[in-house]
Protein backbone atom coordinates (compact mmCIF):
# COMPACT_ATOMS: atom_id res chain seq x y z
CA MET A 1 163.94 109.08 45.52
CA GLN A 2 164.44 110.93 48.84
CA ILE A 3 162.81 114.19 49.56
CA GLU A 4 163.44 116.71 52.55
CA VAL A 5 160.45 117.22 54.76
CA PHE A 6 159.58 119.26 57.97
CA LYS A 7 160.63 117.08 60.83
CA SER A 8 160.18 119.24 64.04
CA LYS A 9 159.57 122.69 65.17
CA ILE A 10 159.98 124.59 68.40
CA HIS A 11 157.38 127.39 67.83
CA ARG A 12 157.69 131.11 68.93
CA VAL A 13 160.44 130.89 71.66
CA THR A 14 162.07 134.10 72.92
CA VAL A 15 165.88 134.70 72.26
CA THR A 16 167.37 134.90 75.77
CA ASP A 17 170.97 135.96 74.71
CA CYS A 18 173.26 136.60 71.77
CA GLU A 19 176.96 135.74 72.07
CA LEU A 20 178.76 137.08 69.08
CA ASN A 21 182.32 135.93 70.23
CA TYR A 22 181.55 132.24 69.95
CA ILE A 23 182.34 129.82 67.24
CA GLY A 24 178.75 129.55 66.12
CA SER A 25 175.34 127.65 66.56
CA ILE A 26 172.33 128.02 68.60
CA THR A 27 172.09 126.97 72.36
CA ILE A 28 168.75 125.36 73.27
CA ASP A 29 167.39 124.24 76.60
CA GLU A 30 167.85 120.42 76.81
CA SER A 31 164.31 119.72 77.56
CA LEU A 32 163.14 121.64 74.43
CA ILE A 33 165.59 119.64 72.16
CA GLU A 34 164.24 116.41 73.50
CA ALA A 35 160.54 117.41 73.35
CA ALA A 36 161.02 118.58 69.75
CA ASN A 37 162.70 115.38 68.65
CA MET A 38 165.82 117.14 67.75
CA VAL A 39 169.40 116.13 68.59
CA VAL A 40 172.54 118.08 69.65
CA GLY A 41 174.52 118.87 66.39
CA GLU A 42 171.63 118.77 64.23
CA LYS A 43 171.22 121.38 61.49
CA VAL A 44 168.20 123.70 62.19
CA GLN A 45 166.75 126.63 60.41
CA VAL A 46 165.88 129.54 62.71
CA VAL A 47 163.30 132.03 61.56
CA ASN A 48 163.19 135.41 63.22
CA ILE A 49 159.50 136.64 63.57
CA ASN A 50 160.58 140.14 64.45
CA ASN A 51 162.63 140.97 61.36
CA GLY A 52 162.20 138.03 58.81
CA GLU A 53 165.68 136.90 58.93
CA ARG A 54 166.23 133.09 58.20
CA LEU A 55 169.49 131.32 59.06
CA GLU A 56 170.90 127.76 59.31
CA THR A 57 173.07 126.48 62.22
CA TYR A 58 173.39 123.56 64.55
CA ILE A 59 172.16 122.74 67.96
CA ILE A 60 174.24 123.00 71.06
CA LYS A 61 172.71 121.58 74.34
CA GLY A 62 171.77 124.20 76.94
CA LYS A 63 170.89 123.81 80.68
CA ARG A 64 167.86 121.65 81.14
CA ASP A 65 164.73 123.62 82.05
CA SER A 66 166.53 126.86 81.72
CA GLY A 67 164.50 128.12 78.90
CA GLU A 68 167.74 129.08 77.12
CA ILE A 69 167.70 130.13 73.51
CA THR A 70 171.16 131.72 72.74
CA LEU A 71 172.24 132.61 69.20
CA ASN A 72 176.05 132.24 68.95
CA GLY A 73 178.79 133.61 66.53
CA PRO A 74 177.71 135.18 63.27
CA ALA A 75 174.03 134.11 64.01
CA ALA A 76 174.01 136.67 66.74
CA ARG A 77 174.01 139.55 64.26
CA LYS A 78 170.60 138.33 62.78
CA VAL A 79 168.74 138.49 66.09
CA GLN A 80 168.39 140.54 69.18
CA LYS A 81 167.77 139.44 72.74
CA GLY A 82 163.91 139.31 73.14
CA ASP A 83 163.20 138.38 69.48
CA LYS A 84 160.72 135.71 68.83
CA VAL A 85 161.97 132.77 66.70
CA ILE A 86 160.87 129.41 65.29
CA ILE A 87 163.37 126.64 65.19
CA ILE A 88 162.75 124.11 62.39
CA SER A 89 164.45 120.80 61.60
CA TYR A 90 164.07 118.76 58.44
CA ALA A 91 164.67 115.13 57.60
CA ARG A 92 165.27 113.25 54.38
CA MET A 93 163.08 110.20 53.52
CA SER A 94 161.31 108.34 50.78
CA VAL A 95 158.22 109.81 49.25
CA GLU A 96 156.26 106.96 50.58
CA ASP A 97 157.63 107.37 54.23
CA ALA A 98 156.91 111.16 53.86
CA LYS A 99 153.26 110.54 53.18
CA ASN A 100 152.83 108.88 56.56
CA PHE A 101 155.25 110.83 58.62
CA ASN A 102 153.94 113.18 61.48
CA PRO A 103 156.29 115.94 62.51
CA THR A 104 156.77 117.04 66.13
CA LEU A 105 155.73 120.45 67.04
CA ILE A 106 156.19 122.04 70.56
CA PHE A 107 154.73 125.35 71.78
CA PRO A 108 156.75 126.43 74.93
CA ASP A 109 155.26 129.01 77.21
CA LYS A 110 156.34 132.55 77.40
CA ASN A 111 159.42 131.68 79.43
CA ASN A 112 160.42 129.05 76.88
CA LEU A 113 159.47 126.19 79.20
CA LEU A 114 157.33 123.25 78.47
CA LYS A 115 153.84 123.54 79.85
CA SER A 116 153.17 121.04 82.64
């Protein structure tokens, strides 16, 4: 049996832009993607702390060390620039593997950058 478990999280980043006239997705600073053990094209859940909205989309790579968090396409209607969001990814694995799995959590600074 396979179950879906919490794999990784980028906790409390600030939305830097919203681009409604785009085909969709979330653009994330490449450094944050790597640090969170996420991959370009991966499905993620975005939870808006400001208004409680939850949405699913996929990752597009943003410029490294830019702090970019941009919601694109229809997702841009669910957030506003300046909103705080949590970005979560999940993975499927066996129950036994899940019991020993440790998710990756990152806590960027107020500028969406990794603390050095």
